[in-house]
């Protein structure tokens, strides 16, 4: 069976802050409704649009069968 993958980058606000469980749950449910299954959640430094540094965020990887 072949699979396709989708990676979603999440962070809470432009200048940092904690990732809320409610926001993560909403994203998971939105992608699940489209047939995507959660594969992994990885913490990462996500580059911001403001300033030289990054903010803590997560990369959420989903997969679903193709065809």
PDB file of N, CA and C in Angstrom:
ATOM      1  N   UNK A   1       0.837  -1.176   0.000  1.00  0.00           N
ATOM      2  CA  UNK A   1       0.000   0.000   0.000  1.00  0.00           C
ATOM      3  C   UNK A   1       0.889   1.248   0.000  1.00  0.00           C
ATOM      4  N   UNK A   2       0.481   2.244  -0.779  1.00  0.00           N
ATOM      5  CA  UNK A   2       1.234   3.507  -0.841  1.00  0.00           C
ATOM      6  C   UNK A   2       0.574   4.530   0.077  1.00  0.00           C
ATOM      7  N   UNK A   3       1.392   5.442   0.598  1.00  0.00           N
ATOM      8  CA  UNK A   3       0.903   6.487   1.494  1.00  0.00           C
ATOM      9  C   UNK A   3       1.354   7.854   1.014  1.00  0.00           C
ATOM     10  N   UNK A   4       0.610   8.872   1.399  1.00  0.00           N
ATOM     11  CA  UNK A   4       1.047  10.244   1.217  1.00  0.00           C
ATOM     12  C   UNK A   4       1.127  10.881   2.605  1.00  0.00           C
ATOM     13  N   UNK A   5       1.925  11.934   2.711  1.00  0.00           N
ATOM     14  CA  UNK A   5       2.195  12.568   4.001  1.00  0.00           C
ATOM     15  C   UNK A   5       1.940  14.057   3.945  1.00  0.00           C
ATOM     16  N   UNK A   6       1.560  14.598   5.068  1.00  0.00           N
ATOM     17  CA  UNK A   6       1.326  16.030   5.229  1.00  0.00           C
ATOM     18  C   UNK A   6       2.010  16.453   6.524  1.00  0.00           C
ATOM     19  N   UNK A   7       2.835  17.508   6.472  1.00  0.00           N
ATOM     20  CA  UNK A   7       3.494  18.035   7.663  1.00  0.00           C
ATOM     21  C   UNK A   7       2.925  19.418   7.946  1.00  0.00           C
ATOM     22  N   UNK A   8       2.429  19.611   9.156  1.00  0.00           N
ATOM     23  CA  UNK A   8       1.835  20.875   9.574  1.00  0.00           C
ATOM     24  C   UNK A   8       2.716  21.479  10.661  1.00  0.00           C
ATOM     25  N   UNK A   9       3.077  22.730  10.481  1.00  0.00           N
ATOM     26  CA  UNK A   9       3.917  23.453  11.442  1.00  0.00           C
ATOM     27  C   UNK A   9       3.008  24.281  12.353  1.00  0.00           C
ATOM     28  N   UNK A  10       3.133  24.096  13.654  1.00  0.00           N
ATOM     29  CA  UNK A  10       2.296  24.829  14.606  1.00  0.00           C
ATOM     30  C   UNK A  10       3.149  25.565  15.619  1.00  0.00           C
ATOM     31  N   UNK A  11       2.710  26.754  15.963  1.00  0.00           N
ATOM     32  CA  UNK A  11       3.311  27.487  17.063  1.00  0.00           C
ATOM     33  C   UNK A  11       2.241  28.407  17.624  1.00  0.00           C
ATOM     34  N   UNK A  12       2.441  28.859  18.821  1.00  0.00           N
ATOM     35  CA  UNK A  12       1.442  29.674  19.505  1.00  0.00           C
ATOM     36  C   UNK A  12       1.882  31.128  19.444  1.00  0.00           C
ATOM     37  N   UNK A  13       1.417  31.881  18.474  1.00  0.00           N
ATOM     38  CA  UNK A  13       1.732  33.305  18.380  1.00  0.00           C
ATOM     39  C   UNK A  13       3.039  33.574  17.654  1.00  0.00           C
ATOM     40  N   UNK A  14       3.290  34.831  17.353  1.00  0.00           N
ATOM     41  CA  UNK A  14       4.468  35.214  16.590  1.00  0.00           C
ATOM     42  C   UNK A  14       5.745  35.241  17.415  1.00  0.00           C
ATOM     43  N   UNK A  15       5.634  35.543  18.701  1.00  0.00           N
ATOM     44  CA  UNK A  15       6.853  35.726  19.488  1.00  0.00           C
ATOM     45  C   UNK A  15       6.986  34.654  20.563  1.00  0.00           C
ATOM     46  N   UNK A  16       6.336  33.550  20.418  1.00  0.00           N
ATOM     47  CA  UNK A  16       6.523  32.458  21.370  1.00  0.00           C
ATOM     48  C   UNK A  16       5.268  32.145  22.146  1.00  0.00           C
ATOM     49  N   UNK A  17       5.453  31.515  23.275  1.00  0.00           N
ATOM     50  CA  UNK A  17       4.335  31.080  24.090  1.00  0.00           C
ATOM     51  C   UNK A  17       4.179  29.583  24.015  1.00  0.00           C
ATOM     52  N   UNK A  18       3.445  29.061  24.924  1.00  0.00           N
ATOM     53  CA  UNK A  18       3.224  27.610  24.993  1.00  0.00           C
ATOM     54  C   UNK A  18       2.169  27.186  23.971  1.00  0.00           C
ATOM     55  N   UNK A  19       2.344  25.985  23.447  1.00  0.00           N
ATOM     56  CA  UNK A  19       1.363  25.413  22.534  1.00  0.00           C
ATOM     57  C   UNK A  19       0.174  24.952  23.365  1.00  0.00           C
ATOM     58  N   UNK A  20      -1.011  25.423  23.046  1.00  0.00           N
ATOM     59  CA  UNK A  20      -2.182  25.027  23.813  1.00  0.00           C
ATOM     60  C   UNK A  20      -2.703  23.671  23.339  1.00  0.00           C
ATOM     61  N   UNK A  21      -3.181  22.894  24.289  1.00  0.00           N
ATOM     62  CA  UNK A  21      -3.741  21.587  23.958  1.00  0.00           C
ATOM     63  C   UNK A  21      -4.986  21.748  23.091  1.00  0.00           C
ATOM     64  N   UNK A  22      -5.770  22.794  23.338  1.00  0.00           N
ATOM     65  CA  UNK A  22      -6.979  23.022  22.548  1.00  0.00           C
ATOM     66  C   UNK A  22      -6.654  23.268  21.078  1.00  0.00           C
ATOM     67  N   UNK A  23      -5.617  24.062  20.826  1.00  0.00           N
ATOM     68  CA  UNK A  23      -5.228  24.351  19.441  1.00  0.00           C
ATOM     69  C   UNK A  23      -4.755  23.077  18.748  1.00  0.00           C
ATOM     70  N   UNK A  24      -3.931  22.294  19.434  1.00  0.00           N
ATOM     71  CA  UNK A  24      -3.428  21.052  18.854  1.00  0.00           C
ATOM     72  C   UNK A  24      -4.577  20.081  18.582  1.00  0.00           C
ATOM     73  N   UNK A  25      -5.487  19.956  19.525  1.00  0.00           N
ATOM     74  CA  UNK A  25      -6.632  19.059  19.353  1.00  0.00           C
ATOM     75  C   UNK A  25      -7.484  19.479  18.160  1.00  0.00           C
ATOM     76  N   UNK A  26      -7.695  20.773  17.988  1.00  0.00           N
ATOM     77  CA  UNK A  26      -8.480  21.276  16.857  1.00  0.00           C
ATOM     78  C   UNK A  26      -7.821  20.898  15.528  1.00  0.00           C
ATOM     79  N   UNK A  27      -6.511  21.087  15.439  1.00  0.00           N
ATOM     80  CA  UNK A  27      -5.783  20.752  14.204  1.00  0.00           C
ATOM     81  C   UNK A  27      -5.863  19.250  13.926  1.00  0.00           C
ATOM     82  N   UNK A  28      -5.650  18.431  14.950  1.00  0.00           N
ATOM     83  CA  UNK A  28      -5.720  16.977  14.768  1.00  0.00           C
ATOM     84  C   UNK A  28      -7.089  16.549  14.253  1.00  0.00           C
ATOM     85  N   UNK A  29      -8.147  17.104  14.828  1.00  0.00           N
ATOM     86  CA  UNK A  29      -9.502  16.750  14.405  1.00  0.00           C
ATOM     87  C   UNK A  29      -9.818  17.242  12.995  1.00  0.00           C
ATOM     88  N   UNK A  30      -9.310  18.422  12.624  1.00  0.00           N
ATOM     89  CA  UNK A  30      -9.542  18.937  11.276  1.00  0.00           C
ATOM     90  C   UNK A  30      -8.925  18.022  10.223  1.00  0.00           C
ATOM     91  N   UNK A  31      -7.685  17.580  10.454  1.00  0.00           N
ATOM     92  CA  UNK A  31      -7.023  16.707   9.476  1.00  0.00           C
ATOM     93  C   UNK A  31      -7.614  15.301   9.501  1.00  0.00           C
ATOM     94  N   UNK A  32      -8.018  14.820  10.667  1.00  0.00           N
ATOM     95  CA  UNK A  32      -8.645  13.494  10.764  1.00  0.00           C
ATOM     96  C   UNK A  32      -9.942  13.457   9.967  1.00  0.00           C
ATOM     97  N   UNK A  33     -10.677  14.546   9.970  1.00  0.00           N
ATOM     98  CA  UNK A  33     -11.935  14.617   9.221  1.00  0.00           C
ATOM     99  C   UNK A  33     -11.701  14.484   7.718  1.00  0.00           C
ATOM    100  N   UNK A  34     -10.476  14.773   7.269  1.00  0.00           N
ATOM    101  CA  UNK A  34     -10.127  14.647   5.855  1.00  0.00           C
ATOM    102  C   UNK A  34      -9.455  13.305   5.549  1.00  0.00           C
ATOM    103  N   UNK A  35      -9.440  12.397   6.518  1.00  0.00           N
ATOM    104  CA  UNK A  35      -8.898  11.061   6.293  1.00  0.00           C
ATOM    105  C   UNK A  35      -7.437  10.880   6.665  1.00  0.00           C
ATOM    106  N   UNK A  36      -6.815  11.898   7.261  1.00  0.00           N
ATOM    107  CA  UNK A  36      -5.405  11.808   7.648  1.00  0.00           C
ATOM    108  C   UNK A  36      -5.281  11.169   9.031  1.00  0.00           C
ATOM    109  N   UNK A  37      -4.245  10.350   9.213  1.00  0.00           N
ATOM    110  CA  UNK A  37      -3.934   9.711  10.497  1.00  0.00           C
ATOM    111  C   UNK A  37      -2.659  10.326  11.050  1.00  0.00           C
ATOM    112  N   UNK A  38      -2.661  10.573  12.354  1.00  0.00           N
ATOM    113  CA  UNK A  38      -1.469  11.131  12.998  1.00  0.00           C
ATOM    114  C   UNK A  38      -0.334  10.130  12.918  1.00  0.00           C
ATOM    115  N   UNK A  39       0.819  10.595  12.484  1.00  0.00           N
ATOM    116  CA  UNK A  39       2.016   9.748  12.409  1.00  0.00           C
ATOM    117  C   UNK A  39       2.985  10.104  13.533  1.00  0.00           C
ATOM    118  N   UNK A  40       3.390  11.380  13.622  1.00  0.00           N
ATOM    119  CA  UNK A  40       4.301  11.815  14.680  1.00  0.00           C
ATOM    120  C   UNK A  40       4.043  13.280  15.031  1.00  0.00           C
ATOM    121  N   UNK A  41       4.463  13.632  16.243  1.00  0.00           N
ATOM    122  CA  UNK A  41       4.521  15.025  16.667  1.00  0.00           C
ATOM    123  C   UNK A  41       5.942  15.249  17.162  1.00  0.00           C
ATOM    124  N   UNK A  42       6.620  16.249  16.601  1.00  0.00           N
ATOM    125  CA  UNK A  42       8.014  16.530  16.925  1.00  0.00           C
ATOM    126  C   UNK A  42       8.150  17.983  17.342  1.00  0.00           C
ATOM    127  N   UNK A  43       8.835  18.237  18.464  1.00  0.00           N
ATOM    128  CA  UNK A  43       9.095  19.627  18.833  1.00  0.00           C
ATOM    129  C   UNK A  43      10.219  20.160  17.963  1.00  0.00           C
ATOM    130  N   UNK A  44      10.141  21.447  17.660  1.00  0.00           N
ATOM    131  CA  UNK A  44      11.134  22.055  16.781  1.00  0.00           C
ATOM    132  C   UNK A  44      11.205  23.541  17.035  1.00  0.00           C
ATOM    133  N   UNK A  45      12.336  24.127  16.681  1.00  0.00           N
ATOM    134  CA  UNK A  45      12.431  25.580  16.689  1.00  0.00           C
ATOM    135  C   UNK A  45      11.899  26.057  15.349  1.00  0.00           C
ATOM    136  N   UNK A  46      10.845  26.843  15.388  1.00  0.00           N
ATOM    137  CA  UNK A  46      10.183  27.312  14.182  1.00  0.00           C
ATOM    138  C   UNK A  46      10.564  28.764  13.974  1.00  0.00           C
ATOM    139  N   UNK A  47      11.146  29.068  12.837  1.00  0.00           N
ATOM    140  CA  UNK A  47      11.587  30.435  12.552  1.00  0.00           C
ATOM    141  C   UNK A  47      10.391  31.370  12.453  1.00  0.00           C
ATOM    142  N   UNK A  48      10.517  32.515  13.118  1.00  0.00           N
ATOM    143  CA  UNK A  48       9.451  33.503  13.104  1.00  0.00           C
ATOM    144  C   UNK A  48       9.652  34.534  12.017  1.00  0.00           C
ATOM    145  N   UNK A  49       8.649  35.337  11.824  1.00  0.00           N
ATOM    146  CA  UNK A  49       8.741  36.414  10.842  1.00  0.00           C
ATOM    147  C   UNK A  49       9.326  37.673  11.464  1.00  0.00           C
ATOM    148  N   UNK A  50       9.354  37.722  12.786  1.00  0.00           N
ATOM    149  CA  UNK A  50       9.834  38.903  13.482  1.00  0.00           C
ATOM    150  C   UNK A  50      11.106  38.554  14.235  1.00  0.00           C
ATOM    151  N   UNK A  51      12.183  39.247  13.974  1.00  0.00           N
ATOM    152  CA  UNK A  51      13.423  39.034  14.713  1.00  0.00           C
ATOM    153  C   UNK A  51      14.230  37.866  14.202  1.00  0.00           C
ATOM    154  N   UNK A  52      15.459  37.745  14.715  1.00  0.00           N
ATOM    155  CA  UNK A  52      16.384  36.731  14.220  1.00  0.00           C
ATOM    156  C   UNK A  52      16.166  35.333  14.799  1.00  0.00           C
ATOM    157  N   UNK A  53      15.520  35.222  15.954  1.00  0.00           N
ATOM    158  CA  UNK A  53      15.400  33.927  16.621  1.00  0.00           C
ATOM    159  C   UNK A  53      14.199  33.138  16.161  1.00  0.00           C
ATOM    160  N   UNK A  54      14.022  31.987  16.779  1.00  0.00           N
ATOM    161  CA  UNK A  54      12.877  31.155  16.495  1.00  0.00           C
ATOM    162  C   UNK A  54      12.020  31.005  17.729  1.00  0.00           C
ATOM    163  N   UNK A  55      10.938  30.321  17.599  1.00  0.00           N
ATOM    164  CA  UNK A  55      10.065  30.033  18.716  1.00  0.00           C
ATOM    165  C   UNK A  55       9.870  28.524  18.793  1.00  0.00           C
ATOM    166  N   UNK A  56       9.550  28.064  19.977  1.00  0.00           N
ATOM    167  CA  UNK A  56       9.261  26.645  20.113  1.00  0.00           C
ATOM    168  C   UNK A  56       7.933  26.339  19.438  1.00  0.00           C
ATOM    169  N   UNK A  57       7.908  25.280  18.721  1.00  0.00           N
ATOM    170  CA  UNK A  57       6.686  24.866  18.050  1.00  0.00           C
ATOM    171  C   UNK A  57       6.714  23.367  17.851  1.00  0.00           C
ATOM    172  N   UNK A  58       5.760  22.869  17.109  1.00  0.00           N
ATOM    173  CA  UNK A  58       5.716  21.443  16.825  1.00  0.00           C
ATOM    174  C   UNK A  58       5.491  21.229  15.336  1.00  0.00           C
ATOM    175  N   UNK A  59       6.045  20.129  14.847  1.00  0.00           N
ATOM    176  CA  UNK A  59       5.757  19.656  13.495  1.00  0.00           C
ATOM    177  C   UNK A  59       4.886  18.420  13.654  1.00  0.00           C
ATOM    178  N   UNK A  60       3.721  18.454  13.053  1.00  0.00           N
ATOM    179  CA  UNK A  60       2.768  17.352  13.160  1.00  0.00           C
ATOM    180  C   UNK A  60       2.733  16.670  11.795  1.00  0.00           C
ATOM    181  N   UNK A  61       3.041  15.384  11.764  1.00  0.00           N
ATOM    182  CA  UNK A  61       3.071  14.632  10.515  1.00  0.00           C
ATOM    183  C   UNK A  61       1.890  13.679  10.453  1.00  0.00           C
ATOM    184  N   UNK A  62       1.158  13.771   9.354  1.00  0.00           N
ATOM    185  CA  UNK A  62      -0.001  12.908   9.117  1.00  0.00           C
ATOM    186  C   UNK A  62       0.284  12.031   7.912  1.00  0.00           C
ATOM    187  N   UNK A  63      -0.422  10.882   7.846  1.00  0.00           N
ATOM    188  CA  UNK A  63      -0.336  10.025   6.664  1.00  0.00           C
ATOM    189  C   UNK A  63      -1.722   9.507   6.334  1.00  0.00           C
ATOM    190  N   UNK A  64      -1.883   9.143   5.053  1.00  0.00           N
ATOM    191  CA  UNK A  64      -3.123   8.479   4.623  1.00  0.00           C
ATOM    192  C   UNK A  64      -2.799   7.657   3.376  1.00  0.00           C
ATOM    193  N   UNK A  65      -3.552   6.595   3.189  1.00  0.00           N
ATOM    194  CA  UNK A  65      -3.335   5.764   2.010  1.00  0.00           C
ATOM    195  C   UNK A  65      -3.661   6.531   0.731  1.00  0.00           C
ATOM    196  N   UNK A  66      -2.912   6.243  -0.322  1.00  0.00           N
ATOM    197  CA  UNK A  66      -3.143   6.847  -1.632  1.00  0.00           C
ATOM    198  C   UNK A  66      -3.976   5.868  -2.447  1.00  0.00           C
ATOM    199  N   UNK A  67      -4.993   6.408  -3.100  1.00  0.00           N
ATOM    200  CA  UNK A  67      -5.795   5.593  -4.000  1.00  0.00           C
ATOM    201  C   UNK A  67      -6.826   4.859  -3.284  1.00  0.00           C
TER     202      UNK A  67
END
